[in-house]
C-alpha atoms as a PDB file:
ATOM      1  CA  MET A   1      74.385 105.501 110.375  1.00  0.00           C
ATOM      2  CA  SER A   2      72.855 102.340 108.993  1.00  0.00           C
ATOM      3  CA  GLU A   3      73.925 100.398 105.936  1.00  0.00           C
ATOM      4  CA  GLU A   4      71.613  99.755 102.995  1.00  0.00           C
ATOM      5  CA  ARG A   5      68.534  97.560 103.180  1.00  0.00           C
ATOM      6  CA  PRO A   6      67.995  94.396 101.131  1.00  0.00           C
ATOM      7  CA  PRO A   7      65.032  94.310  98.732  1.00  0.00           C
ATOM      8  CA  TYR A   8      64.392  90.585  99.113  1.00  0.00           C
ATOM      9  CA  PRO A   9      65.139  87.698 101.474  1.00  0.00           C
ATOM     10  CA  LEU A  10      68.747  86.602 101.479  1.00  0.00           C
ATOM     11  CA  PRO A  11      69.937  83.046 102.019  1.00  0.00           C
ATOM     12  CA  GLY A  12      71.452  82.496 105.433  1.00  0.00           C
ATOM     13  CA  LEU A  13      69.862  85.553 107.017  1.00  0.00           C
ATOM     14  CA  GLY A  14      66.960  85.685 109.400  1.00  0.00           C
ATOM     15  CA  PRO A  15      63.516  87.111 108.675  1.00  0.00           C
ATOM     16  CA  ALA A  16      63.025  90.851 108.536  1.00  0.00           C
ATOM     17  CA  SER A  17      62.402  92.670 111.775  1.00  0.00           C
ATOM     18  CA  ALA A  18      58.885  93.965 112.084  1.00  0.00           C
ATOM     19  CA  GLY A  19      58.553  97.305 110.320  1.00  0.00           C
ATOM     20  CA  SER A  20      62.260  97.719 109.576  1.00  0.00           C
ATOM     21  CA  GLY A  21      62.655  95.935 106.241  1.00  0.00           C
ATOM     22  CA  LEU A  22      66.019  94.656 107.453  1.00  0.00           C
ATOM     23  CA  PRO A  23      66.891  90.993 107.774  1.00  0.00           C
ATOM     24  CA  ARG A  24      68.196  89.754 111.077  1.00  0.00           C
ATOM     25  CA  PHE A  25      71.959  89.498 110.858  1.00  0.00           C
ATOM     26  CA  ASP A  26      73.497  86.880 113.115  1.00  0.00           C
ATOM     27  CA  VAL A  27      76.457  88.380 114.953  1.00  0.00           C
ATOM     28  CA  ARG A  28      78.766  85.470 115.723  1.00  0.00           C
ATOM     29  CA  LEU A  29      81.615  87.616 117.012  1.00  0.00           C
ATOM     30  CA  ARG A  30      82.076  89.402 120.301  1.00  0.00           C
ATOM     31  CA  ALA A  31      83.281  92.970 119.899  1.00  0.00           C
ATOM     32  CA  PRO A  32      86.806  93.270 121.303  1.00  0.00           C
ATOM     33  CA  ASP A  33      87.607  95.285 124.406  1.00  0.00           C
ATOM     34  CA  LEU A  34      89.952  97.950 123.048  1.00  0.00           C
ATOM     35  CA  SER A  35      90.259  99.931 126.268  1.00  0.00           C
ATOM     36  CA  ASP A  36      93.952  99.049 126.594  1.00  0.00           C
ATOM     37  CA  TRP A  37      94.663 100.672 123.217  1.00  0.00           C
ATOM     38  CA  THR A  38      92.252 103.580 122.914  1.00  0.00           C
ATOM     39  CA  GLN A  39      94.666 106.067 124.469  1.00  0.00           C
ATOM     40  CA  GLY A  40      97.400 105.003 122.051  1.00  0.00           C
ATOM     41  CA  ASN A  41     101.130 105.230 122.664  1.00  0.00           C
ATOM     42  CA  CYS A  42     102.215 107.664 119.946  1.00  0.00           C
ATOM     43  CA  GLY A  43     100.106 110.753 120.526  1.00  0.00           C
ATOM     44  CA  VAL A  44      97.097 109.579 118.507  1.00  0.00           C
ATOM     45  CA  ALA A  45      94.205 107.801 120.211  1.00  0.00           C
ATOM     46  CA  GLY A  46      93.784 104.190 119.144  1.00  0.00           C
ATOM     47  CA  PHE A  47      97.197 103.891 117.474  1.00  0.00           C
ATOM     48  CA  MET A  48      99.997 101.716 118.859  1.00  0.00           C
ATOM     49  CA  HIS A  49     103.482 102.199 117.416  1.00  0.00           C
ATOM     50  CA  PHE A  50     106.553  99.994 117.823  1.00  0.00           C
ATOM     51  CA  GLU A  51     110.097 100.321 116.474  1.00  0.00           C
ATOM     52  CA  ALA A  52     112.931  97.842 116.040  1.00  0.00           C
ATOM     53  CA  VAL A  53     116.645  98.588 116.193  1.00  0.00           C
ATOM     54  CA  GLN A  54     117.195  97.144 112.727  1.00  0.00           C
ATOM     55  CA  PRO A  55     116.029  99.494 109.955  1.00  0.00           C
ATOM     56  CA  GLY A  56     113.148  98.569 107.714  1.00  0.00           C
ATOM     57  CA  PRO A  57     109.846  99.824 106.328  1.00  0.00           C
ATOM     58  CA  HIS A  58     107.094 101.484 108.317  1.00  0.00           C
ATOM     59  CA  VAL A  59     104.101  99.147 108.038  1.00  0.00           C
ATOM     60  CA  VAL A  60     100.736 100.562 109.123  1.00  0.00           C
ATOM     61  CA  ILE A  61      97.758  98.224 109.569  1.00  0.00           C
ATOM     62  CA  THR A  62      94.349  99.750 110.231  1.00  0.00           C
ATOM     63  CA  ALA A  63      90.941  98.439 111.237  1.00  0.00           C
ATOM     64  CA  LEU A  64      87.564  99.951 112.137  1.00  0.00           C
ATOM     65  CA  MET A  65      87.379 102.398 109.246  1.00  0.00           C
ATOM     66  CA  HIS A  66      83.715 101.529 109.736  1.00  0.00           C
ATOM     67  CA  GLY A  67      82.592 101.063 113.322  1.00  0.00           C
ATOM     68  CA  ASN A  68      80.683  97.828 112.793  1.00  0.00           C
ATOM     69  CA  GLU A  69      83.489  95.998 110.945  1.00  0.00           C
ATOM     70  CA  ILE A  70      84.847  94.335 114.052  1.00  0.00           C
ATOM     71  CA  ALA A  71      86.649  91.316 112.555  1.00  0.00           C
ATOM     72  CA  GLY A  72      89.751  93.324 111.643  1.00  0.00           C
ATOM     73  CA  ALA A  73      89.740  94.928 115.079  1.00  0.00           C
ATOM     74  CA  ILE A  74      89.741  91.479 116.689  1.00  0.00           C
ATOM     75  CA  ALA A  75      92.750  90.486 114.569  1.00  0.00           C
ATOM     76  CA  LEU A  76      94.722  93.586 115.607  1.00  0.00           C
ATOM     77  CA  ASP A  77      93.669  93.278 119.243  1.00  0.00           C
ATOM     78  CA  ASP A  78      95.010  89.713 119.229  1.00  0.00           C
ATOM     79  CA  LEU A  79      98.379  90.924 117.938  1.00  0.00           C
ATOM     80  CA  LEU A  80      98.617  93.621 120.575  1.00  0.00           C
ATOM     81  CA  ARG A  81      97.688  91.268 123.404  1.00  0.00           C
ATOM     82  CA  ALA A  82     100.374  88.864 122.199  1.00  0.00           C
ATOM     83  CA  ARG A  83     102.854  91.755 122.521  1.00  0.00           C
ATOM     84  CA  ILE A  84     103.975  91.632 118.926  1.00  0.00           C
ATOM     85  CA  ARG A  85     107.062  93.702 118.167  1.00  0.00           C
ATOM     86  CA  PRO A  86     108.702  94.183 114.774  1.00  0.00           C
ATOM     87  CA  ALA A  87     111.950  92.366 114.042  1.00  0.00           C
ATOM     88  CA  ARG A  88     112.952  95.339 111.898  1.00  0.00           C
ATOM     89  CA  GLY A  89     111.521  98.651 110.837  1.00  0.00           C
ATOM     90  CA  ARG A  90     108.417 100.153 112.400  1.00  0.00           C
ATOM     91  CA  LEU A  91     104.942  98.728 112.963  1.00  0.00           C
ATOM     92  CA  THR A  92     101.809 100.748 113.697  1.00  0.00           C
ATOM     93  CA  LEU A  93      98.455  99.124 114.453  1.00  0.00           C
ATOM     94  CA  GLY A  94      95.500 101.490 114.491  1.00  0.00           C
ATOM     95  CA  PHE A  95      91.766 101.563 115.161  1.00  0.00           C
ATOM     96  CA  LEU A  96      90.266 104.328 113.052  1.00  0.00           C
ATOM     97  CA  ASN A  97      86.627 105.171 113.806  1.00  0.00           C
ATOM     98  CA  LEU A  98      86.507 104.636 117.548  1.00  0.00           C
ATOM     99  CA  ALA A  99      83.418 106.831 117.962  1.00  0.00           C
ATOM    100  CA  ALA A 100      81.374 104.683 115.595  1.00  0.00           C
ATOM    101  CA  PHE A 101      82.744 101.504 117.175  1.00  0.00           C
ATOM    102  CA  ALA A 102      81.631 102.750 120.613  1.00  0.00           C
ATOM    103  CA  ARG A 103      78.061 102.682 119.287  1.00  0.00           C
ATOM    104  CA  PHE A 104      78.234  99.078 118.048  1.00  0.00           C
ATOM    105  CA  ASP A 105      75.261  97.059 119.279  1.00  0.00           C
ATOM    106  CA  PRO A 106      74.992  93.393 118.222  1.00  0.00           C
ATOM    107  CA  ALA A 107      71.211  93.734 118.363  1.00  0.00           C
ATOM    108  CA  HIS A 108      71.437  96.455 115.681  1.00  0.00           C
ATOM    109  CA  PRO A 109      74.757  95.709 114.016  1.00  0.00           C
ATOM    110  CA  THR A 110      74.282  97.764 110.844  1.00  0.00           C
ATOM    111  CA  ALA A 111      73.654 101.043 112.671  1.00  0.00           C
ATOM    112  CA  SER A 112      77.242 101.949 113.586  1.00  0.00           C
ATOM    113  CA  ARG A 113      79.053 102.051 110.257  1.00  0.00           C
ATOM    114  CA  PHE A 114      79.824 105.721 110.900  1.00  0.00           C
ATOM    115  CA  VAL A 115      78.536 108.615 112.978  1.00  0.00           C
ATOM    116  CA  GLU A 116      78.223 111.527 110.539  1.00  0.00           C
ATOM    117  CA  GLU A 117      79.777 110.470 107.247  1.00  0.00           C
ATOM    118  CA  ASP A 118      81.675 107.584 105.695  1.00  0.00           C
ATOM    119  CA  MET A 119      85.266 107.910 106.849  1.00  0.00           C
ATOM    120  CA  ASN A 120      86.493 106.019 103.793  1.00  0.00           C
ATOM    121  CA  ARG A 121      85.375 108.715 101.347  1.00  0.00           C
ATOM    122  CA  LEU A 122      87.422 111.557 102.835  1.00  0.00           C
ATOM    123  CA  TRP A 123      91.006 110.753 101.891  1.00  0.00           C
ATOM    124  CA  ASP A 124      91.844 113.739  99.740  1.00  0.00           C
ATOM    125  CA  ARG A 125      94.388 116.344 100.828  1.00  0.00           C
ATOM    126  CA  ALA A 126      92.124 119.208  99.755  1.00  0.00           C
ATOM    127  CA  VAL A 127      89.205 117.797 101.743  1.00  0.00           C
ATOM    128  CA  LEU A 128      91.357 117.208 104.804  1.00  0.00           C
ATOM    129  CA  ALA A 129      92.693 120.776 104.603  1.00  0.00           C
ATOM    130  CA  SER A 130      89.277 122.331 103.970  1.00  0.00           C
ATOM    131  CA  SER A 131      86.933 124.138 106.359  1.00  0.00           C
ATOM    132  CA  ARG A 132      84.486 121.244 106.216  1.00  0.00           C
ATOM    133  CA  ASP A 133      84.021 119.459 109.491  1.00  0.00           C
ATOM    134  CA  SER A 134      82.488 116.297 110.872  1.00  0.00           C
ATOM    135  CA  LEU A 135      83.418 113.777 113.507  1.00  0.00           C
ATOM    136  CA  GLU A 136      84.951 111.517 110.853  1.00  0.00           C
ATOM    137  CA  LEU A 137      86.864 114.361 109.201  1.00  0.00           C
ATOM    138  CA  SER A 138      88.318 115.414 112.538  1.00  0.00           C
ATOM    139  CA  ARG A 139      89.442 111.866 113.162  1.00  0.00           C
ATOM    140  CA  ALA A 140      90.961 111.543 109.682  1.00  0.00           C
ATOM    141  CA  ARG A 141      92.914 114.753 110.267  1.00  0.00           C
ATOM    142  CA  ALA A 142      94.178 113.425 113.594  1.00  0.00           C
ATOM    143  CA  VAL A 143      95.550 110.225 112.053  1.00  0.00           C
ATOM    144  CA  GLN A 144      96.817 111.870 108.849  1.00  0.00           C
ATOM    145  CA  PRO A 145     100.421 112.301 110.103  1.00  0.00           C
ATOM    146  CA  ILE A 146     100.671 108.564 110.782  1.00  0.00           C
ATOM    147  CA  ILE A 147      99.266 107.739 107.361  1.00  0.00           C
ATOM    148  CA  ASP A 148     101.726 110.166 105.770  1.00  0.00           C
ATOM    149  CA  SER A 149     104.616 108.311 107.437  1.00  0.00           C
ATOM    150  CA  ALA A 150     103.599 104.843 106.178  1.00  0.00           C
ATOM    151  CA  ASP A 151     105.678 102.997 103.613  1.00  0.00           C
ATOM    152  CA  ILE A 152     103.169 100.134 103.387  1.00  0.00           C
ATOM    153  CA  LEU A 153      99.554 100.270 104.538  1.00  0.00           C
ATOM    154  CA  LEU A 154      97.012  97.470 104.889  1.00  0.00           C
ATOM    155  CA  ASP A 155      93.423  98.513 105.619  1.00  0.00           C
ATOM    156  CA  LEU A 156      91.227  95.726 107.043  1.00  0.00           C
ATOM    157  CA  HIS A 157      87.534  95.665 106.120  1.00  0.00           C
ATOM    158  CA  SER A 158      84.618  93.241 105.964  1.00  0.00           C
ATOM    159  CA  MET A 159      81.340  93.083 104.034  1.00  0.00           C
ATOM    160  CA  LEU A 160      77.627  93.277 104.801  1.00  0.00           C
ATOM    161  CA  TRP A 161      76.352  91.384 101.776  1.00  0.00           C
ATOM    162  CA  PRO A 162      77.319  87.785 100.952  1.00  0.00           C
ATOM    163  CA  SER A 163      80.617  87.804  99.079  1.00  0.00           C
ATOM    164  CA  ASP A 164      83.857  85.926  98.666  1.00  0.00           C
ATOM    165  CA  PRO A 165      86.797  87.707 100.339  1.00  0.00           C
ATOM    166  CA  LEU A 166      89.148  89.720  98.152  1.00  0.00           C
ATOM    167  CA  ILE A 167      91.933  92.283  98.117  1.00  0.00           C
ATOM    168  CA  LEU A 168      91.315  95.665  96.493  1.00  0.00           C
ATOM    169  CA  SER A 169      94.581  96.982  95.098  1.00  0.00           C
ATOM    170  CA  GLY A 170      93.466 100.324  93.709  1.00  0.00           C
ATOM    171  CA  PRO A 171      94.396 101.218  90.120  1.00  0.00           C
ATOM    172  CA  THR A 172      98.203 101.268  90.354  1.00  0.00           C
ATOM    173  CA  ALA A 173     100.583  98.552  89.231  1.00  0.00           C
ATOM    174  CA  LYS A 174     102.440  98.825  92.547  1.00  0.00           C
ATOM    175  CA  GLY A 175      99.177  98.230  94.422  1.00  0.00           C
ATOM    176  CA  ARG A 176      98.521  95.128  92.357  1.00  0.00           C
ATOM    177  CA  ARG A 177     102.029  93.853  93.074  1.00  0.00           C
ATOM    178  CA  LEU A 178     101.547  94.288  96.817  1.00  0.00           C
ATOM    179  CA  ALA A 179      98.142  92.615  96.791  1.00  0.00           C
ATOM    180  CA  ARG A 180      99.426  89.700  94.731  1.00  0.00           C
ATOM    181  CA  SER A 181     102.413  89.307  97.039  1.00  0.00           C
ATOM    182  CA  ILE A 182     100.108  89.098 100.059  1.00  0.00           C
ATOM    183  CA  GLY A 183      97.828  86.705  98.180  1.00  0.00           C
ATOM    184  CA  VAL A 184      95.357  86.314 101.052  1.00  0.00           C
ATOM    185  CA  PRO A 185      92.540  86.426 100.088  1.00  0.00           C
ATOM    186  CA  PRO A 186      93.518  84.840  96.761  1.00  0.00           C
ATOM    187  CA  LEU A 187      91.300  87.109  94.606  1.00  0.00           C
ATOM    188  CA  VAL A 188      92.944  90.454  93.788  1.00  0.00           C
ATOM    189  CA  VAL A 189      90.768  93.142  92.208  1.00  0.00           C
ATOM    190  CA  ALA A 190      92.200  96.339  90.733  1.00  0.00           C
ATOM    191  CA  ASP A 191      89.746  99.239  90.865  1.00  0.00           C
ATOM    192  CA  ARG A 192      89.414 103.018  90.986  1.00  0.00           C
ATOM    193  CA  GLY A 193      87.252 103.335  94.077  1.00  0.00           C
ATOM    194  CA  HIS A 194      84.023 105.282  94.474  1.00  0.00           C
ATOM    195  CA  SER A 195      82.693 108.418  92.811  1.00  0.00           C
ATOM    196  CA  SER A 196      81.527 109.644  96.223  1.00  0.00           C
ATOM    197  CA  GLY A 197      85.074 110.148  97.487  1.00  0.00           C
ATOM    198  CA  PRO A 198      88.559 108.639  97.783  1.00  0.00           C
ATOM    199  CA  ARG A 199      89.378 105.762 100.091  1.00  0.00           C
ATOM    200  CA  LEU A 200      92.393 105.556 102.357  1.00  0.00           C
ATOM    201  CA  ILE A 201      94.200 103.412  99.774  1.00  0.00           C
ATOM    202  CA  ASP A 202      93.603 106.194  97.207  1.00  0.00           C
ATOM    203  CA  TYR A 203      95.230 108.835  99.413  1.00  0.00           C
ATOM    204  CA  GLY A 204      98.278 110.863  98.425  1.00  0.00           C
ATOM    205  CA  GLY A 205     101.336 108.884  97.435  1.00  0.00           C
ATOM    206  CA  PHE A 206      99.491 105.574  97.606  1.00  0.00           C
ATOM    207  CA  ALA A 207      97.739 106.480  94.333  1.00  0.00           C
ATOM    208  CA  ASP A 208     100.859 107.886  92.648  1.00  0.00           C
ATOM    209  CA  GLU A 209     102.633 105.267  90.569  1.00  0.00           C
ATOM    210  CA  ASP A 210     105.950 107.097  90.984  1.00  0.00           C
ATOM    211  CA  ASP A 211     105.726 107.296  94.785  1.00  0.00           C
ATOM    212  CA  PRO A 212     107.215 104.296  96.651  1.00  0.00           C
ATOM    213  CA  ARG A 213     104.477 104.322  99.294  1.00  0.00           C
ATOM    214  CA  ILE A 214     101.916 101.603  98.744  1.00  0.00           C
ATOM    215  CA  ALA A 215      98.574 100.423 100.134  1.00  0.00           C
ATOM    216  CA  CYS A 216      95.820  97.908  99.629  1.00  0.00           C
ATOM    217  CA  LEU A 217      92.519  96.993 101.257  1.00  0.00           C
ATOM    218  CA  VAL A 218      91.424  93.544 102.411  1.00  0.00           C
ATOM    219  CA  GLU A 219      87.727  92.679 102.357  1.00  0.00           C
ATOM    220  CA  ALA A 220      88.103  89.652 104.614  1.00  0.00           C
ATOM    221  CA  GLY A 221      84.550  88.272 104.425  1.00  0.00           C
ATOM    222  CA  PRO A 222      81.138  88.835 106.046  1.00  0.00           C
ATOM    223  CA  HIS A 223      81.173  91.305 108.922  1.00  0.00           C
ATOM    224  CA  TRP A 224      80.409  89.056 111.872  1.00  0.00           C
ATOM    225  CA  GLU A 225      81.828  85.598 111.050  1.00  0.00           C
ATOM    226  CA  GLU A 226      84.797  83.849 112.672  1.00  0.00           C
ATOM    227  CA  ALA A 227      86.091  82.905 109.214  1.00  0.00           C
ATOM    228  CA  THR A 228      86.475  86.615 108.493  1.00  0.00           C
ATOM    229  CA  VAL A 229      88.689  87.055 111.551  1.00  0.00           C
ATOM    230  CA  ARG A 230      90.833  84.127 110.393  1.00  0.00           C
ATOM    231  CA  MET A 231      91.189  85.658 106.922  1.00  0.00           C
ATOM    232  CA  ALA A 232      92.161  89.031 108.386  1.00  0.00           C
ATOM    233  CA  ARG A 233      94.769  87.334 110.595  1.00  0.00           C
ATOM    234  CA  LEU A 234      96.235  85.488 107.615  1.00  0.00           C
ATOM    235  CA  SER A 235      96.431  88.663 105.541  1.00  0.00           C
ATOM    236  CA  VAL A 236      98.233  90.493 108.332  1.00  0.00           C
ATOM    237  CA  ALA A 237     100.538  87.548 109.036  1.00  0.00           C
ATOM    238  CA  THR A 238     101.545  87.229 105.410  1.00  0.00           C
ATOM    239  CA  LEU A 239     102.295  90.942 105.140  1.00  0.00           C
ATOM    240  CA  LEU A 240     104.416  90.883 108.308  1.00  0.00           C
ATOM    241  CA  HIS A 241     106.396  87.900 107.058  1.00  0.00           C
ATOM    242  CA  MET A 242     106.943  89.240 103.535  1.00  0.00           C
ATOM    243  CA  THR A 243     108.188  92.581 104.892  1.00  0.00           C
ATOM    244  CA  GLY A 244     110.449  90.927 107.459  1.00  0.00           C
ATOM    245  CA  LEU A 245     108.672  92.535 110.404  1.00  0.00           C
ATOM    246  CA  ALA A 246     107.443  89.268 111.922  1.00  0.00           C
ATOM    247  CA  SER A 247     109.862  88.123 114.599  1.00  0.00           C
ATOM    248  CA  PRO A 248     110.626  84.404 115.078  1.00  0.00           C
ATOM    249  CA  ARG A 249     110.210  85.077 118.809  1.00  0.00           C
ATOM    250  CA  HIS A 250     106.563  85.950 118.282  1.00  0.00           C
ATOM    251  CA  GLU A 251     105.119  83.021 116.380  1.00  0.00           C
ATOM    252  CA  PHE A 252     101.548  82.658 117.578  1.00  0.00           C
ATOM    253  CA  GLU A 253      98.136  82.224 116.042  1.00  0.00           C
ATOM    254  CA  GLY A 254      97.756  84.958 113.474  1.00  0.00           C
ATOM    255  CA  THR A 255     101.428  85.346 112.551  1.00  0.00           C
ATOM    256  CA  ALA A 256     102.111  81.965 110.973  1.00  0.00           C
ATOM    257  CA  PRO A 257     102.829  82.137 107.241  1.00  0.00           C
ATOM    258  CA  MET A 258     100.051  81.554 104.752  1.00  0.00           C
ATOM    259  CA  PRO A 259      98.935  77.919 104.415  1.00  0.00           C
ATOM    260  CA  ALA A 260      99.963  76.363 101.110  1.00  0.00           C
ATOM    261  CA  ALA A 261      96.324  75.561 100.336  1.00  0.00           C
ATOM    262  CA  LEU A 262      95.541  79.266 100.025  1.00  0.00           C
ATOM    263  CA  SER A 263      98.363  79.901  97.586  1.00  0.00           C
ATOM    264  CA  SER A 264      96.518  77.929  94.914  1.00  0.00           C
ATOM    265  CA  GLY A 265      93.542  79.293  93.042  1.00  0.00           C
ATOM    266  CA  ARG A 266      94.839  82.838  92.929  1.00  0.00           C
ATOM    267  CA  ARG A 267      93.067  85.075  90.422  1.00  0.00           C
ATOM    268  CA  ASN A 268      93.531  88.657  89.317  1.00  0.00           C
ATOM    269  CA  ALA A 269      90.770  90.872  87.988  1.00  0.00           C
ATOM    270  CA  GLU A 270      90.258  94.484  86.964  1.00  0.00           C
ATOM    271  CA  VAL A 271      87.113  96.540  87.385  1.00  0.00           C
ATOM    272  CA  THR A 272      85.883  97.971  84.096  1.00  0.00           C
ATOM    273  CA  HIS A 273      82.522  99.354  85.233  1.00  0.00           C
ATOM    274  CA  ALA A 274      81.549 100.894  88.571  1.00  0.00           C
ATOM    275  CA  VAL A 275      77.758 100.872  88.551  1.00  0.00           C
ATOM    276  CA  ASN A 276      76.210 103.636  90.651  1.00  0.00           C
ATOM    277  CA  ALA A 277      72.513 103.669  91.468  1.00  0.00           C
ATOM    278  CA  ALA A 278      70.954 106.557  89.540  1.00  0.00           C
ATOM    279  CA  THR A 279      67.531 105.967  91.078  1.00  0.00           C
ATOM    280  CA  SER A 280      66.121 104.931  94.427  1.00  0.00           C
ATOM    281  CA  SER A 281      64.602 101.807  92.874  1.00  0.00           C
ATOM    282  CA  PHE A 282      67.754  99.937  91.844  1.00  0.00           C
ATOM    283  CA  SER A 283      67.149  96.182  92.064  1.00  0.00           C
ATOM    284  CA  PHE A 284      68.944  93.003  91.056  1.00  0.00           C
ATOM    285  CA  VAL A 285      67.118  90.246  89.209  1.00  0.00           C
ATOM    286  CA  ARG A 286      68.187  87.912  92.020  1.00  0.00           C
ATOM    287  CA  PRO A 287      70.309  88.231  95.182  1.00  0.00           C
ATOM    288  CA  TYR A 288      73.761  87.777  93.685  1.00  0.00           C
ATOM    289  CA  ARG A 289      76.765  86.887  95.781  1.00  0.00           C
ATOM    290  CA  GLY A 290      79.984  88.825  95.368  1.00  0.00           C
ATOM    291  CA  GLY A 291      82.484  86.720  93.477  1.00  0.00           C
ATOM    292  CA  GLU A 292      79.895  85.175  91.165  1.00  0.00           C
ATOM    293  CA  VAL A 293      80.987  84.936  87.539  1.00  0.00           C
ATOM    294  CA  ILE A 294      78.301  85.488  84.894  1.00  0.00           C
ATOM    295  CA  ALA A 295      79.244  83.369  81.906  1.00  0.00           C
ATOM    296  CA  LYS A 296      77.603  85.223  79.024  1.00  0.00           C
ATOM    297  CA  GLN A 297      77.829  88.779  77.774  1.00  0.00           C
ATOM    298  CA  GLY A 298      74.450  90.510  77.667  1.00  0.00           C
ATOM    299  CA  THR A 299      72.967  88.724  80.684  1.00  0.00           C
ATOM    300  CA  LEU A 300      70.392  90.873  82.471  1.00  0.00           C
ATOM    301  CA  ILE A 301      71.510  91.313  86.082  1.00  0.00           C
ATOM    302  CA  ALA A 302      69.694  94.394  87.409  1.00  0.00           C
ATOM    303  CA  HIS A 303      67.330  97.283  86.780  1.00  0.00           C
ATOM    304  CA  ASP A 304      68.052 100.875  87.748  1.00  0.00           C
ATOM    305  CA  GLY A 305      64.522 102.196  87.731  1.00  0.00           C
ATOM    306  CA  THR A 306      63.388 101.295  84.206  1.00  0.00           C
ATOM    307  CA  THR A 307      66.937 100.973  82.842  1.00  0.00           C
ATOM    308  CA  PRO A 308      68.149  97.385  82.404  1.00  0.00           C
ATOM    309  CA  ILE A 309      71.763  96.542  83.240  1.00  0.00           C
ATOM    310  CA  TYR A 310      73.523  93.762  81.363  1.00  0.00           C
ATOM    311  CA  THR A 311      76.909  92.118  81.701  1.00  0.00           C
ATOM    312  CA  PRO A 312      79.347  93.815  79.293  1.00  0.00           C
ATOM    313  CA  TYR A 313      81.375  90.700  78.450  1.00  0.00           C
ATOM    314  CA  ASP A 314      81.653  86.951  78.993  1.00  0.00           C
ATOM    315  CA  ASP A 315      82.937  85.689  82.360  1.00  0.00           C
ATOM    316  CA  CYS A 316      81.955  88.889  84.139  1.00  0.00           C
ATOM    317  CA  LEU A 317      82.963  88.981  87.812  1.00  0.00           C
ATOM    318  CA  LEU A 318      80.487  90.637  90.181  1.00  0.00           C
ATOM    319  CA  VAL A 319      82.458  92.582  92.769  1.00  0.00           C
ATOM    320  CA  MET A 320      80.718  93.306  96.075  1.00  0.00           C
ATOM    321  CA  PRO A 321      77.142  93.842  94.858  1.00  0.00           C
ATOM    322  CA  SER A 322      75.242  96.005  97.329  1.00  0.00           C
ATOM    323  CA  LEU A 323      71.798  94.496  97.185  1.00  0.00           C
ATOM    324  CA  ARG A 324      69.957  97.707  97.890  1.00  0.00           C
ATOM    325  CA  PRO A 325      72.177 100.689  97.241  1.00  0.00           C
ATOM    326  CA  THR A 326      71.278 104.230  98.130  1.00  0.00           C
ATOM    327  CA  ARG A 327      70.771 106.544  95.166  1.00  0.00           C
ATOM    328  CA  GLY A 328      74.131 107.924  94.040  1.00  0.00           C
ATOM    329  CA  HIS A 329      76.123 105.148  95.713  1.00  0.00           C
ATOM    330  CA  THR A 330      77.952 102.168  94.272  1.00  0.00           C
ATOM    331  CA  ALA A 331      75.613  99.276  93.489  1.00  0.00           C
ATOM    332  CA  MET A 332      78.290  96.909  92.204  1.00  0.00           C
ATOM    333  CA  ARG A 333      81.477  96.735  90.225  1.00  0.00           C
ATOM    334  CA  LEU A 334      81.957  94.583  87.139  1.00  0.00           C
ATOM    335  CA  ALA A 335      85.375  93.113  86.447  1.00  0.00           C
ATOM    336  CA  HIS A 336      87.146  90.944  83.920  1.00  0.00           C
ATOM    337  CA  PHE A 337      89.887  88.479  84.735  1.00  0.00           C
ATOM    338  CA  LEU A 338      93.498  89.213  83.817  1.00  0.00           C
ATOM    339  CA  ASP A 339      95.857  86.696  82.301  1.00  0.00           C
ATOM    340  CA  ASP A 340      98.883  87.726  84.375  1.00  0.00           C
END
């Protein structure tokens, strides 16, 4: 299933393909060969599980929630090929939507986000226990026991539209604390997800403030850029070090602690408005980049059909604007910065 189409030319992207309306996206990454991991070693395809003698938390790190988001998969593949093992606790590295990933074609890189439905809108116990079925639902049910066993979960993603990287913490204070502790990327955004269905980080105990289990989601950068792989590696490395799972015997690229330069410039924000496209003719007044800050309240930023959309306050942060959203889907989120 393809991602949305842009309504106007975007800087840094090639011209539209004839008849498609899509720009040409440059794929600067080679999809990893995951054949060594697809069988898994813990009874679930695509999931590799390792345990240390010393007790500690169960850290689960996932990639490929969407089949064309290959940067996170490269980061996890690198860790597995380097034979990483936890110094304490348990570590599980998992590749989620293998069926969609199998369809990834760099000539048509937006076409393999999912097969039948978005896997990151299914994470509700009632949905998972229902009679509904799809390829993605079956896969979510298969990995559910691993997710249920996680103490800490990091879900690696990337973005189609131009945007600064960020960490989505969900709405809980514990999620914000985890995201701020990781600090890579340095922008942490608290949000409540999508009206179309709960994400993995919204699942079960992760969304319960009184449950010790905790999760956050890293949007590491544009889908097919080497810088996005580096950001994903840094996020994973920082989490492994802060939880004590990184072993001194396994210091290699991707497990070094966060560079000091990235620890500066940290900012925290909270989404106040999730803007869903009510019409099929939603359009921005210009091709905004995620992470842009609009200085003045009341600035016109988009039209949803004939309805104008204005910034609700000064210094309004645009979070992951989707430059041509499908009707009923999230067009953008608007956030204000927090003092703490």
